[in-house]
C-alpha atoms as a PDB file:
ATOM      1  CA  MET A   1      26.258   4.992  45.319  1.00  0.00           C
ATOM      2  CA  ARG A   2      25.436   5.166  41.763  1.00  0.00           C
ATOM      3  CA  ASP A   3      23.614   2.482  39.794  1.00  0.00           C
ATOM      4  CA  PRO A   4      26.043  -0.486  39.760  1.00  0.00           C
ATOM      5  CA  TYR A   5      24.859  -1.376  36.271  1.00  0.00           C
ATOM      6  CA  ALA A   6      25.586   1.922  34.988  1.00  0.00           C
ATOM      7  CA  VAL A   7      28.945   2.038  36.680  1.00  0.00           C
ATOM      8  CA  LEU A   8      30.130  -1.204  34.997  1.00  0.00           C
ATOM      9  CA  GLY A   9      28.145  -0.238  31.655  1.00  0.00           C
ATOM     10  CA  VAL A  10      26.123  -3.516  31.646  1.00  0.00           C
ATOM     11  CA  LYS A  11      22.496  -4.258  31.095  1.00  0.00           C
ATOM     12  CA  ARG A  12      20.319  -5.497  34.105  1.00  0.00           C
ATOM     13  CA  ASP A  13      20.048  -9.079  32.673  1.00  0.00           C
ATOM     14  CA  ALA A  14      23.822  -9.394  32.168  1.00  0.00           C
ATOM     15  CA  GLY A  15      25.215 -12.677  33.255  1.00  0.00           C
ATOM     16  CA  GLN A  16      28.111 -13.237  35.699  1.00  0.00           C
ATOM     17  CA  GLU A  17      30.689 -13.718  32.857  1.00  0.00           C
ATOM     18  CA  GLU A  18      29.709 -10.351  31.203  1.00  0.00           C
ATOM     19  CA  ILE A  19      29.830  -8.576  34.463  1.00  0.00           C
ATOM     20  CA  ARG A  20      33.234 -10.025  35.346  1.00  0.00           C
ATOM     21  CA  ALA A  21      34.589  -9.028  31.938  1.00  0.00           C
ATOM     22  CA  ALA A  22      33.181  -5.521  32.161  1.00  0.00           C
ATOM     23  CA  TRP A  23      34.801  -5.125  35.620  1.00  0.00           C
ATOM     24  CA  ARG A  24      38.192  -6.233  34.360  1.00  0.00           C
ATOM     25  CA  THR A  25      38.142  -3.835  31.521  1.00  0.00           C
ATOM     26  CA  LEU A  26      36.900  -0.915  33.647  1.00  0.00           C
ATOM     27  CA  ALA A  27      39.418  -1.655  36.330  1.00  0.00           C
ATOM     28  CA  LYS A  28      42.332  -1.472  33.743  1.00  0.00           C
ATOM     29  CA  THR A  29      41.021   1.793  32.463  1.00  0.00           C
ATOM     30  CA  VAL A  30      40.465   3.611  35.738  1.00  0.00           C
ATOM     31  CA  HIS A  31      43.279   2.105  37.747  1.00  0.00           C
ATOM     32  CA  PRO A  32      45.196   4.978  39.628  1.00  0.00           C
ATOM     33  CA  ASP A  33      48.469   3.724  38.375  1.00  0.00           C
ATOM     34  CA  GLN A  34      47.219   4.227  34.744  1.00  0.00           C
ATOM     35  CA  ASN A  35      45.878   7.645  35.603  1.00  0.00           C
ATOM     36  CA  GLN A  36      48.458   9.243  37.969  1.00  0.00           C
ATOM     37  CA  ASP A  37      47.455  12.829  36.560  1.00  0.00           C
ATOM     38  CA  ASP A  38      43.779  12.277  37.303  1.00  0.00           C
ATOM     39  CA  PRO A  39      42.861  13.191  41.034  1.00  0.00           C
ATOM     40  CA  PHE A  40      39.534  11.246  40.653  1.00  0.00           C
ATOM     41  CA  ALA A  41      40.829   7.975  39.407  1.00  0.00           C
ATOM     42  CA  THR A  42      40.972   6.609  42.887  1.00  0.00           C
ATOM     43  CA  ILE A  43      37.308   7.460  43.512  1.00  0.00           C
ATOM     44  CA  ARG A  44      36.172   5.908  40.067  1.00  0.00           C
ATOM     45  CA  PHE A  45      38.192   2.629  40.787  1.00  0.00           C
ATOM     46  CA  THR A  46      36.733   2.310  44.221  1.00  0.00           C
ATOM     47  CA  GLU A  47      33.276   2.897  42.895  1.00  0.00           C
ATOM     48  CA  ALA A  48      33.793   0.219  40.318  1.00  0.00           C
ATOM     49  CA  GLY A  49      35.183  -2.302  42.860  1.00  0.00           C
ATOM     50  CA  ARG A  50      32.013  -1.568  45.004  1.00  0.00           C
ATOM     51  CA  ALA A  51      29.669  -2.106  41.965  1.00  0.00           C
ATOM     52  CA  TYR A  52      31.319  -5.311  41.064  1.00  0.00           C
ATOM     53  CA  ASP A  53      31.327  -6.753  44.710  1.00  0.00           C
ATOM     54  CA  LEU A  54      27.346  -6.056  44.752  1.00  0.00           C
ATOM     55  CA  LEU A  55      26.604  -7.540  41.352  1.00  0.00           C
ATOM     56  CA  ARG A  56      28.818 -10.716  41.746  1.00  0.00           C
ATOM     57  CA  ASP A  57      26.886 -11.662  44.888  1.00  0.00           C
ATOM     58  CA  PRO A  58      23.560 -13.230  43.760  1.00  0.00           C
ATOM     59  CA  GLU A  59      21.838 -12.497  46.995  1.00  0.00           C
ATOM     60  CA  ARG A  60      22.884  -8.888  47.324  1.00  0.00           C
ATOM     61  CA  ARG A  61      22.363  -8.383  43.699  1.00  0.00           C
ATOM     62  CA  SER A  62      18.679  -9.820  44.010  1.00  0.00           C
ATOM     63  CA  ARG A  63      18.081  -7.485  46.988  1.00  0.00           C
ATOM     64  CA  TYR A  64      19.291  -4.466  45.006  1.00  0.00           C
ATOM     65  CA  ASP A  65      17.183  -5.321  41.953  1.00  0.00           C
ATOM     66  CA  ARG A  66      14.062  -5.713  44.140  1.00  0.00           C
ATOM     67  CA  ALA A  67      14.684  -2.425  45.875  1.00  0.00           C
ATOM     68  CA  HIS A  68      15.276  -0.742  42.475  1.00  0.00           C
ATOM     69  CA  ARG A  69      12.046  -2.048  41.098  1.00  0.00           C
ATOM     70  CA  GLU A  70      10.152  -0.961  44.066  1.00  0.00           C
ATOM     71  CA  ALA A  71      11.570   2.622  43.766  1.00  0.00           C
ATOM     72  CA  GLU A  72      10.567   2.699  40.104  1.00  0.00           C
ATOM     73  CA  ILE A  73       7.040   1.559  40.841  1.00  0.00           C
ATOM     74  CA  ARG A  74       6.715   4.050  43.651  1.00  0.00           C
ATOM     75  CA  ARG A  75       8.164   6.966  41.251  1.00  0.00           C
ATOM     76  CA  GLU A  76       5.680   6.003  38.520  1.00  0.00           C
ATOM     77  CA  MET A  77       2.694   5.766  40.818  1.00  0.00           C
ATOM     78  CA  GLU A  78       3.595   9.196  42.210  1.00  0.00           C
ATOM     79  CA  LEU A  79       4.044  10.728  38.678  1.00  0.00           C
ATOM     80  CA  ARG A  80       0.763   9.207  37.587  1.00  0.00           C
ATOM     81  CA  ARG A  81      -1.076  10.638  40.685  1.00  0.00           C
ATOM     82  CA  MET A  82       0.485  14.205  40.079  1.00  0.00           C
ATOM     83  CA  GLU A  83      -0.575  13.993  36.425  1.00  0.00           C
ATOM     84  CA  GLN A  84      -4.192  13.169  37.344  1.00  0.00           C
ATOM     85  CA  MET A  85      -4.109  16.104  39.770  1.00  0.00           C
ATOM     86  CA  ARG A  86      -2.804  18.371  37.077  1.00  0.00           C
ATOM     87  CA  ARG A  87      -5.403  17.320  34.576  1.00  0.00           C
ATOM     88  CA  ARG A  88      -8.310  17.818  37.146  1.00  0.00           C
ATOM     89  CA  GLN A  89      -6.926  21.249  37.996  1.00  0.00           C
ATOM     90  CA  GLY A  90      -6.555  22.125  34.287  1.00  0.00           C
ATOM     91  CA  ASP A  91     -10.078  21.025  33.387  1.00  0.00           C
ATOM     92  CA  ARG A  92     -11.562  22.822  36.352  1.00  0.00           C
ATOM     93  CA  LYS A  93      -9.895  26.160  36.404  1.00  0.00           C
ATOM     94  CA  VAL A  94     -11.243  28.780  38.694  1.00  0.00           C
ATOM     95  CA  GLN A  95     -12.236  31.974  36.876  1.00  0.00           C
ATOM     96  CA  PRO A  96     -10.506  35.113  38.131  1.00  0.00           C
ATOM     97  CA  GLU A  97     -13.843  36.914  38.472  1.00  0.00           C
ATOM     98  CA  THR A  98     -15.206  34.151  40.605  1.00  0.00           C
ATOM     99  CA  VAL A  99     -12.549  35.304  43.275  1.00  0.00           C
ATOM    100  CA  GLN A 100     -12.999  38.852  42.902  1.00  0.00           C
ATOM    101  CA  GLY A 101     -16.606  39.722  41.979  1.00  0.00           C
ATOM    102  CA  THR A 102     -18.697  37.039  43.679  1.00  0.00           C
ATOM    103  CA  THR A 103     -20.133  36.418  47.149  1.00  0.00           C
ATOM    104  CA  GLU A 104     -19.695  32.575  46.946  1.00  0.00           C
ATOM    105  CA  SER A 105     -17.983  30.881  49.672  1.00  0.00           C
ATOM    106  CA  ALA A 106     -14.902  28.904  49.052  1.00  0.00           C
ATOM    107  CA  GLU A 107     -16.789  25.506  49.464  1.00  0.00           C
ATOM    108  CA  ASP A 108     -19.491  26.827  46.901  1.00  0.00           C
ATOM    109  CA  VAL A 109     -16.880  27.737  44.318  1.00  0.00           C
ATOM    110  CA  VAL A 110     -15.073  24.366  44.691  1.00  0.00           C
ATOM    111  CA  SER A 111     -18.422  22.439  44.600  1.00  0.00           C
ATOM    112  CA  ARG A 112     -19.099  24.174  41.352  1.00  0.00           C
ATOM    113  CA  ILE A 113     -15.749  23.248  39.945  1.00  0.00           C
ATOM    114  CA  PHE A 114     -16.298  19.629  40.931  1.00  0.00           C
ATOM    115  CA  GLY A 115     -19.642  19.546  39.098  1.00  0.00           C
ATOM    116  CA  ILE A 116     -21.877  20.260  42.023  1.00  0.00           C
ATOM    117  CA  ASP A 117     -24.253  23.256  41.484  1.00  0.00           C
ATOM    118  CA  PRO A 118     -24.509  25.310  44.744  1.00  0.00           C
ATOM    119  CA  ARG A 119     -27.784  26.825  43.464  1.00  0.00           C
ATOM    120  CA  GLN A 120     -29.372  23.411  43.588  1.00  0.00           C
ATOM    121  CA  GLN A 121     -28.113  22.943  47.058  1.00  0.00           C
ATOM    122  CA  GLN A 122     -29.518  26.610  47.857  1.00  0.00           C
ATOM    123  CA  ALA A 123     -32.927  25.633  46.334  1.00  0.00           C
ATOM    124  CA  ALA A 124     -33.157  22.435  48.369  1.00  0.00           C
ATOM    125  CA  SER A 125     -32.334  24.434  51.451  1.00  0.00           C
ATOM    126  CA  ASN A 126     -35.003  27.104  50.483  1.00  0.00           C
ATOM    127  CA  ALA A 127     -37.538  24.300  50.065  1.00  0.00           C
ATOM    128  CA  ALA A 128     -37.066  23.403  53.762  1.00  0.00           C
ATOM    129  CA  PRO A 129     -39.612  24.692  56.324  1.00  0.00           C
ATOM    130  CA  GLN A 130     -38.864  28.158  57.494  1.00  0.00           C
ATOM    131  CA  PRO A 131     -39.758  29.474  60.950  1.00  0.00           C
ATOM    132  CA  LYS A 132     -42.948  31.525  60.957  1.00  0.00           C
ATOM    133  CA  PRO A 133     -42.884  35.141  61.663  1.00  0.00           C
ATOM    134  CA  SER A 134     -44.108  36.507  65.098  1.00  0.00           C
ATOM    135  CA  ALA A 135     -46.987  38.911  65.397  1.00  0.00           C
ATOM    136  CA  ASN A 136     -44.531  41.939  65.314  1.00  0.00           C
ATOM    137  CA  GLY A 137     -43.201  40.691  61.909  1.00  0.00           C
ATOM    138  CA  GLU A 138     -39.915  39.406  63.305  1.00  0.00           C
ATOM    139  CA  ARG A 139     -38.594  35.768  63.024  1.00  0.00           C
ATOM    140  CA  GLN A 140     -38.802  33.703  66.053  1.00  0.00           C
ATOM    141  CA  GLY A 141     -35.606  32.064  67.028  1.00  0.00           C
ATOM    142  CA  ALA A 142     -34.064  30.461  69.989  1.00  0.00           C
ATOM    143  CA  PRO A 143     -34.599  32.143  73.217  1.00  0.00           C
ATOM    144  CA  GLY A 144     -31.909  34.787  73.826  1.00  0.00           C
ATOM    145  CA  ALA A 145     -30.829  34.801  70.241  1.00  0.00           C
ATOM    146  CA  PRO A 146     -30.049  38.264  68.817  1.00  0.00           C
ATOM    147  CA  ALA A 147     -32.549  39.649  66.400  1.00  0.00           C
ATOM    148  CA  ALA A 148     -29.875  40.864  63.879  1.00  0.00           C
ATOM    149  CA  SER A 149     -26.806  39.179  62.825  1.00  0.00           C
ATOM    150  CA  SER A 150     -23.362  40.334  63.875  1.00  0.00           C
ATOM    151  CA  PRO A 151     -21.438  42.317  61.223  1.00  0.00           C
ATOM    152  CA  ASP A 152     -19.171  40.293  58.916  1.00  0.00           C
ATOM    153  CA  ASN A 153     -15.704  40.897  59.653  1.00  0.00           C
ATOM    154  CA  SER A 154     -14.701  40.388  55.985  1.00  0.00           C
ATOM    155  CA  GLU A 155     -16.515  43.786  55.225  1.00  0.00           C
ATOM    156  CA  THR A 156     -13.801  45.565  57.305  1.00  0.00           C
ATOM    157  CA  LEU A 157     -10.978  44.029  55.270  1.00  0.00           C
ATOM    158  CA  LEU A 158      -9.303  45.894  52.469  1.00  0.00           C
ATOM    159  CA  PRO A 159     -10.051  44.729  48.772  1.00  0.00           C
ATOM    160  CA  ALA A 160      -6.532  43.250  48.454  1.00  0.00           C
ATOM    161  CA  ALA A 161      -6.750  41.420  51.796  1.00  0.00           C
ATOM    162  CA  ARG A 162     -10.200  40.189  50.989  1.00  0.00           C
ATOM    163  CA  ARG A 163      -8.913  38.656  47.584  1.00  0.00           C
ATOM    164  CA  THR A 164      -5.992  37.053  49.368  1.00  0.00           C
ATOM    165  CA  THR A 165      -8.084  35.518  51.946  1.00  0.00           C
ATOM    166  CA  ALA A 166     -10.690  34.277  49.366  1.00  0.00           C
ATOM    167  CA  ALA A 167      -7.733  32.683  47.235  1.00  0.00           C
ATOM    168  CA  VAL A 168      -6.429  31.037  50.354  1.00  0.00           C
ATOM    169  CA  ASP A 169      -9.831  29.672  51.188  1.00  0.00           C
ATOM    170  CA  ILE A 170     -10.454  28.282  47.804  1.00  0.00           C
ATOM    171  CA  LEU A 171      -7.047  26.686  47.591  1.00  0.00           C
ATOM    172  CA  SER A 172      -7.704  25.051  50.921  1.00  0.00           C
ATOM    173  CA  ALA A 173     -11.212  23.763  49.829  1.00  0.00           C
ATOM    174  CA  ILE A 174      -9.590  22.340  46.634  1.00  0.00           C
ATOM    175  CA  VAL A 175      -6.944  20.433  48.597  1.00  0.00           C
ATOM    176  CA  ARG A 176      -9.633  19.000  50.934  1.00  0.00           C
ATOM    177  CA  ARG A 177     -11.783  17.986  47.969  1.00  0.00           C
ATOM    178  CA  ILE A 178      -8.842  16.379  46.054  1.00  0.00           C
ATOM    179  CA  ARG A 179      -7.804  14.370  49.132  1.00  0.00           C
ATOM    180  CA  GLY A 180     -11.435  13.203  49.452  1.00  0.00           C
ATOM    181  CA  LEU A 181     -11.472  12.082  45.746  1.00  0.00           C
ATOM    182  CA  ARG A 182      -8.006  10.497  45.625  1.00  0.00           C
ATOM    183  CA  PRO A 183      -8.226   6.676  44.718  1.00  0.00           C
ATOM    184  CA  VAL A 184      -6.934   4.526  47.550  1.00  0.00           C
ATOM    185  CA  VAL A 185      -4.239   2.261  46.181  1.00  0.00           C
ATOM    186  CA  ASP A 186      -4.232  -0.940  48.258  1.00  0.00           C
ATOM    187  CA  LYS A 187      -2.454  -3.334  45.950  1.00  0.00           C
ATOM    188  CA  ALA A 188       0.936  -3.167  44.197  1.00  0.00           C
ATOM    189  CA  PRO A 189       1.090  -3.488  40.323  1.00  0.00           C
ATOM    190  CA  ASP A 190       1.124  -6.905  38.702  1.00  0.00           C
ATOM    191  CA  LEU A 191       4.268  -8.444  37.332  1.00  0.00           C
ATOM    192  CA  VAL A 192       3.913  -9.049  33.724  1.00  0.00           C
ATOM    193  CA  CYS A 193       6.521 -11.442  31.885  1.00  0.00           C
ATOM    194  CA  ASN A 194       6.787 -14.231  29.447  1.00  0.00           C
ATOM    195  CA  LEU A 195       7.037 -17.890  30.393  1.00  0.00           C
ATOM    196  CA  VAL A 196       9.009 -19.845  27.795  1.00  0.00           C
ATOM    197  CA  VAL A 197       8.286 -23.542  27.826  1.00  0.00           C
ATOM    198  CA  THR A 198       9.109 -26.502  25.411  1.00  0.00           C
ATOM    199  CA  LEU A 199       6.570 -28.353  23.402  1.00  0.00           C
ATOM    200  CA  GLU A 200       7.411 -31.450  25.516  1.00  0.00           C
ATOM    201  CA  ASP A 201       6.303 -29.428  28.654  1.00  0.00           C
ATOM    202  CA  LEU A 202       2.948 -28.788  26.961  1.00  0.00           C
ATOM    203  CA  MET A 203       2.547 -32.321  25.856  1.00  0.00           C
ATOM    204  CA  LYS A 204       3.261 -33.702  29.286  1.00  0.00           C
ATOM    205  CA  GLN A 205       1.349 -30.860  31.057  1.00  0.00           C
ATOM    206  CA  SER A 206       4.588 -30.517  33.285  1.00  0.00           C
ATOM    207  CA  ARG A 207       5.142 -28.002  36.073  1.00  0.00           C
ATOM    208  CA  VAL A 208       7.911 -25.638  35.029  1.00  0.00           C
ATOM    209  CA  THR A 209      10.237 -23.648  37.078  1.00  0.00           C
ATOM    210  CA  LEU A 210      10.281 -19.810  36.978  1.00  0.00           C
ATOM    211  CA  GLU A 211      12.427 -17.358  38.946  1.00  0.00           C
ATOM    212  CA  ILE A 212      10.347 -14.240  40.058  1.00  0.00           C
ATOM    213  CA  ASN A 213      11.749 -11.572  42.403  1.00  0.00           C
ATOM    214  CA  GLY A 214      14.325 -14.041  43.641  1.00  0.00           C
ATOM    215  CA  GLU A 215      11.708 -16.809  44.304  1.00  0.00           C
ATOM    216  CA  THR A 216      11.476 -20.002  42.587  1.00  0.00           C
ATOM    217  CA  LEU A 217       7.891 -20.789  41.463  1.00  0.00           C
ATOM    218  CA  LYS A 218       6.467 -24.067  40.001  1.00  0.00           C
ATOM    219  CA  VAL A 219       3.858 -23.120  37.256  1.00  0.00           C
ATOM    220  CA  PRO A 220       1.550 -25.895  36.247  1.00  0.00           C
ATOM    221  CA  LEU A 221       0.707 -26.286  32.627  1.00  0.00           C
ATOM    222  CA  ALA A 222      -2.904 -27.455  32.607  1.00  0.00           C
ATOM    223  CA  ALA A 223      -4.931 -28.966  29.649  1.00  0.00           C
ATOM    224  CA  GLY A 224      -5.707 -26.194  27.272  1.00  0.00           C
ATOM    225  CA  THR A 225      -2.512 -24.291  27.605  1.00  0.00           C
ATOM    226  CA  THR A 226      -0.916 -23.252  24.325  1.00  0.00           C
ATOM    227  CA  ASP A 227       1.295 -20.476  22.802  1.00  0.00           C
ATOM    228  CA  GLY A 228      -0.125 -17.192  24.017  1.00  0.00           C
ATOM    229  CA  THR A 229      -2.108 -18.608  27.095  1.00  0.00           C
ATOM    230  CA  VAL A 230      -2.118 -16.036  29.878  1.00  0.00           C
ATOM    231  CA  ILE A 231      -1.594 -17.593  33.399  1.00  0.00           C
ATOM    232  CA  ARG A 232      -2.340 -15.431  36.468  1.00  0.00           C
ATOM    233  CA  LEU A 233      -0.574 -16.369  39.753  1.00  0.00           C
ATOM    234  CA  LYS A 234      -2.170 -14.678  42.793  1.00  0.00           C
ATOM    235  CA  ASP A 235      -0.080 -12.732  45.278  1.00  0.00           C
ATOM    236  CA  GLN A 236       3.283 -13.586  43.262  1.00  0.00           C
ATOM    237  CA  GLY A 237       3.889 -10.149  41.781  1.00  0.00           C
ATOM    238  CA  HIS A 238       5.706  -7.034  43.090  1.00  0.00           C
ATOM    239  CA  ARG A 239       6.164  -6.404  46.832  1.00  0.00           C
ATOM    240  CA  ILE A 240       5.674  -2.877  48.149  1.00  0.00           C
ATOM    241  CA  ASN A 241       5.565  -2.065  51.817  1.00  0.00           C
ATOM    242  CA  ASP A 242       2.045  -1.374  53.275  1.00  0.00           C
ATOM    243  CA  LEU A 243       0.407  -2.615  49.955  1.00  0.00           C
ATOM    244  CA  LYS A 244      -1.162  -6.068  49.119  1.00  0.00           C
ATOM    245  CA  ARG A 245       1.216  -7.922  46.911  1.00  0.00           C
ATOM    246  CA  GLY A 246       0.395  -7.966  43.195  1.00  0.00           C
ATOM    247  CA  ASP A 247      -0.208 -10.865  40.960  1.00  0.00           C
ATOM    248  CA  ALA A 248       2.144 -12.367  38.443  1.00  0.00           C
ATOM    249  CA  VAL A 249       0.716 -12.422  34.783  1.00  0.00           C
ATOM    250  CA  LEU A 250       2.463 -14.826  32.717  1.00  0.00           C
ATOM    251  CA  THR A 251       2.122 -15.160  28.905  1.00  0.00           C
ATOM    252  CA  VAL A 252       3.110 -18.685  27.674  1.00  0.00           C
ATOM    253  CA  ARG A 253       5.598 -18.679  24.769  1.00  0.00           C
ATOM    254  CA  VAL A 254       6.850 -22.006  23.081  1.00  0.00           C
ATOM    255  CA  ALA A 255      10.529 -22.222  22.334  1.00  0.00           C
ATOM    256  CA  PRO A 256      11.328 -22.853  18.660  1.00  0.00           C
ATOM    257  CA  GLY A 257      11.790 -26.407  17.609  1.00  0.00           C
ATOM    258  CA  PRO A 258      10.765 -28.840  14.727  1.00  0.00           C
ATOM    259  CA  PHE A 259       7.121 -28.073  15.303  1.00  0.00           C
ATOM    260  CA  ARG A 260       5.220 -24.820  15.113  1.00  0.00           C
ATOM    261  CA  VAL A 261       2.296 -24.310  17.527  1.00  0.00           C
ATOM    262  CA  ASP A 262      -0.878 -23.051  15.805  1.00  0.00           C
ATOM    263  CA  GLY A 263      -3.551 -23.105  18.483  1.00  0.00           C
ATOM    264  CA  PHE A 264      -3.862 -26.665  19.551  1.00  0.00           C
ATOM    265  CA  ASP A 265      -2.358 -27.888  16.073  1.00  0.00           C
ATOM    266  CA  LEU A 266       1.200 -28.614  15.496  1.00  0.00           C
ATOM    267  CA  ARG A 267       2.919 -27.839  12.126  1.00  0.00           C
ATOM    268  CA  MET A 268       5.889 -29.365  10.594  1.00  0.00           C
ATOM    269  CA  THR A 269       7.621 -29.498   7.185  1.00  0.00           C
ATOM    270  CA  LEU A 270       8.216 -32.802   5.209  1.00  0.00           C
ATOM    271  CA  PRO A 271      10.801 -32.528   2.360  1.00  0.00           C
ATOM    272  CA  VAL A 272       9.870 -34.786  -0.689  1.00  0.00           C
ATOM    273  CA  THR A 273      11.752 -35.542  -3.753  1.00  0.00           C
ATOM    274  CA  ILE A 274      10.323 -34.742  -7.228  1.00  0.00           C
ATOM    275  CA  GLU A 275       9.574 -38.457  -8.123  1.00  0.00           C
ATOM    276  CA  ASN A 276       7.860 -39.034  -4.715  1.00  0.00           C
ATOM    277  CA  ALA A 277       5.673 -35.821  -5.263  1.00  0.00           C
ATOM    278  CA  VAL A 278       4.734 -36.920  -8.743  1.00  0.00           C
ATOM    279  CA  LEU A 279       4.225 -40.685  -7.967  1.00  0.00           C
ATOM    280  CA  GLY A 280       3.287 -40.601  -4.505  1.00  0.00           C
ATOM    281  CA  CYS A 281       4.809 -42.568  -1.533  1.00  0.00           C
ATOM    282  CA  GLU A 282       4.446 -43.741   2.100  1.00  0.00           C
ATOM    283  CA  THR A 283       6.901 -42.512   4.722  1.00  0.00           C
ATOM    284  CA  THR A 284       7.141 -41.855   8.365  1.00  0.00           C
ATOM    285  CA  VAL A 285       7.824 -38.777  10.495  1.00  0.00           C
ATOM    286  CA  THR A 286       8.870 -38.352  14.068  1.00  0.00           C
ATOM    287  CA  GLY A 287       5.762 -37.070  15.976  1.00  0.00           C
ATOM    288  CA  PRO A 288       5.639 -34.602  18.880  1.00  0.00           C
ATOM    289  CA  ASN A 289       5.613 -37.660  21.390  1.00  0.00           C
ATOM    290  CA  GLY A 290       8.839 -39.020  19.820  1.00  0.00           C
ATOM    291  CA  ASP A 291       7.174 -42.032  18.067  1.00  0.00           C
ATOM    292  CA  ASP A 292       6.974 -42.834  14.386  1.00  0.00           C
ATOM    293  CA  VAL A 293       3.800 -41.484  12.647  1.00  0.00           C
ATOM    294  CA  PRO A 294       3.097 -42.882   9.110  1.00  0.00           C
ATOM    295  CA  VAL A 295       2.400 -40.357   6.393  1.00  0.00           C
ATOM    296  CA  VAL A 296       0.851 -41.056   2.987  1.00  0.00           C
ATOM    297  CA  VAL A 297       1.885 -38.518   0.276  1.00  0.00           C
ATOM    298  CA  PRO A 298      -0.703 -38.556  -2.509  1.00  0.00           C
ATOM    299  CA  ALA A 299       0.540 -38.853  -6.152  1.00  0.00           C
ATOM    300  CA  TRP A 300       0.950 -35.458  -7.985  1.00  0.00           C
ATOM    301  CA  SER A 301       1.420 -33.435  -4.768  1.00  0.00           C
ATOM    302  CA  SER A 302       2.724 -30.009  -5.158  1.00  0.00           C
ATOM    303  CA  SER A 303       4.866 -27.978  -2.715  1.00  0.00           C
ATOM    304  CA  ASP A 304       2.906 -26.629   0.235  1.00  0.00           C
ATOM    305  CA  HIS A 305       0.430 -29.512  -0.049  1.00  0.00           C
ATOM    306  CA  ILE A 306      -0.947 -30.124   3.490  1.00  0.00           C
ATOM    307  CA  ILE A 307      -1.628 -33.540   5.090  1.00  0.00           C
ATOM    308  CA  LEU A 308      -3.644 -33.640   8.302  1.00  0.00           C
ATOM    309  CA  ILE A 309      -3.101 -36.271  10.941  1.00  0.00           C
ATOM    310  CA  ASP A 310      -5.606 -36.577  13.810  1.00  0.00           C
ATOM    311  CA  ASP A 311      -4.853 -36.751  17.549  1.00  0.00           C
ATOM    312  CA  GLN A 312      -1.205 -35.594  17.319  1.00  0.00           C
ATOM    313  CA  GLY A 313      -1.634 -31.986  18.563  1.00  0.00           C
ATOM    314  CA  LEU A 314      -1.944 -30.420  21.941  1.00  0.00           C
ATOM    315  CA  ALA A 315      -4.865 -31.236  24.420  1.00  0.00           C
ATOM    316  CA  ASP A 316      -7.593 -28.595  24.880  1.00  0.00           C
ATOM    317  CA  GLU A 317      -9.414 -28.011  28.089  1.00  0.00           C
ATOM    318  CA  GLU A 318     -11.865 -30.937  27.263  1.00  0.00           C
ATOM    319  CA  GLY A 319      -8.904 -33.344  26.619  1.00  0.00           C
ATOM    320  CA  LYS A 320      -9.329 -33.354  22.847  1.00  0.00           C
ATOM    321  CA  ARG A 321      -6.125 -33.321  20.918  1.00  0.00           C
ATOM    322  CA  GLY A 322      -5.413 -31.142  17.854  1.00  0.00           C
ATOM    323  CA  LYS A 323      -3.995 -32.251  14.506  1.00  0.00           C
ATOM    324  CA  LEU A 324      -0.510 -32.551  13.190  1.00  0.00           C
ATOM    325  CA  VAL A 325      -0.293 -30.354  10.043  1.00  0.00           C
ATOM    326  CA  VAL A 326       2.396 -31.815   7.637  1.00  0.00           C
ATOM    327  CA  GLU A 327       3.432 -29.309   4.876  1.00  0.00           C
ATOM    328  CA  LEU A 328       5.327 -30.807   1.793  1.00  0.00           C
ATOM    329  CA  ARG A 329       8.425 -29.186   0.356  1.00  0.00           C
ATOM    330  CA  LEU A 330       9.950 -30.273  -2.879  1.00  0.00           C
ATOM    331  CA  LEU A 331      13.554 -31.278  -2.554  1.00  0.00           C
ATOM    332  CA  LEU A 332      16.185 -31.680  -5.313  1.00  0.00           C
ATOM    333  CA  TRP A 333      18.796 -34.248  -5.105  1.00  0.00           C
ATOM    334  CA  ASP A 334      22.294 -33.162  -3.794  1.00  0.00           C
ATOM    335  CA  ARG A 335      23.891 -33.653  -7.311  1.00  0.00           C
ATOM    336  CA  PRO A 336      22.364 -32.640 -10.648  1.00  0.00           C
ATOM    337  CA  ASP A 337      20.666 -35.549 -12.374  1.00  0.00           C
ATOM    338  CA  ASP A 338      21.282 -35.609 -16.321  1.00  0.00           C
ATOM    339  CA  LYS A 339      18.110 -37.584 -17.091  1.00  0.00           C
ATOM    340  CA  MET A 340      16.002 -35.196 -14.892  1.00  0.00           C
ATOM    341  CA  ILE A 341      17.628 -32.256 -16.794  1.00  0.00           C
ATOM    342  CA  ASP A 342      16.792 -33.666 -20.125  1.00  0.00           C
ATOM    343  CA  LEU A 343      13.393 -34.528 -19.093  1.00  0.00           C
ATOM    344  CA  MET A 344      12.745 -30.891 -17.814  1.00  0.00           C
ATOM    345  CA  ARG A 345      14.251 -29.413 -20.847  1.00  0.00           C
ATOM    346  CA  SER A 346      12.217 -31.439 -23.106  1.00  0.00           C
ATOM    347  CA  LEU A 347       9.027 -30.433 -21.228  1.00  0.00           C
ATOM    348  CA  ARG A 348       9.895 -26.721 -21.544  1.00  0.00           C
ATOM    349  CA  GLU A 349      10.923 -26.841 -25.102  1.00  0.00           C
ATOM    350  CA  GLY A 350       8.251 -29.223 -26.245  1.00  0.00           C
ATOM    351  CA  LEU A 351      10.595 -31.907 -27.356  1.00  0.00           C
ATOM    352  CA  TYR A 352       9.681 -35.640 -26.707  1.00  0.00           C
ATOM    353  CA  LEU A 353      12.524 -38.344 -26.763  1.00  0.00           C
END
């Protein structure tokens, strides 16, 4: 069966209403009664019905999504492994003359490819104690050992056969060496996603609910958590057979609201009229805890003027709270005021009434 999302033409995060609407539209389009001249209409209609039956069932959809993610992870890991093998083989190519015109063994050639100099190994072996020659000038060996080595069978091979045999030996040695150097993957990849919370959740240090891989998790928001904080949940990531389960790496994001999170400080905007900005005033704003917070606007305050109020922000790891940053914005009246217009005109044109 093809991907049900592709069959219905919806995204993987589509809701049930969107899936139902897509099924109805597609069913009308591919229904056999509407496509009597198309011999494949019945097949397409049946395929669309199966896709809708799978996606409208939350449990079956969850199992399919999990299996699809695991297949994608396996494919990515296999492609990454093959790419690493290609890079290694590309960086350590075997020279043609090494196969044809050298007496090195296959293991010596592969050792040189992987950065091990066989000449150093040969020098180390030459430094080892050698058996002393006997009185007649021959080397002493084990009792009954032949005085001369037996002829090498490779000398009797034809040149083409020798080259083929050498190439096969080198390829076998490369495969053995690569298998020995392949990193052992014992853990599935981590699941990285955003955790959207409200400012109230951060202020109360609540435990928020998150759906991951069909599981419901309770994520604690401890003191020191703010926008951009990364929370790692052990063994709550992707599941892959025969591998240790990965972690869930969550980045905290605060939902938009009347306050903007700036580290542990909270920012808000306070509109003021021209006369209050010029003369100053005392007013109140609703703080992040829902209570009234008094604010004193100094006389002759321009727009973007900042007023800091202590202990109204988020709590850090030590329990110290940040500030409430109030930014002033000049606000005109809903309707034009003739007196204010005359005053502004006189200031601009230099006339005094």
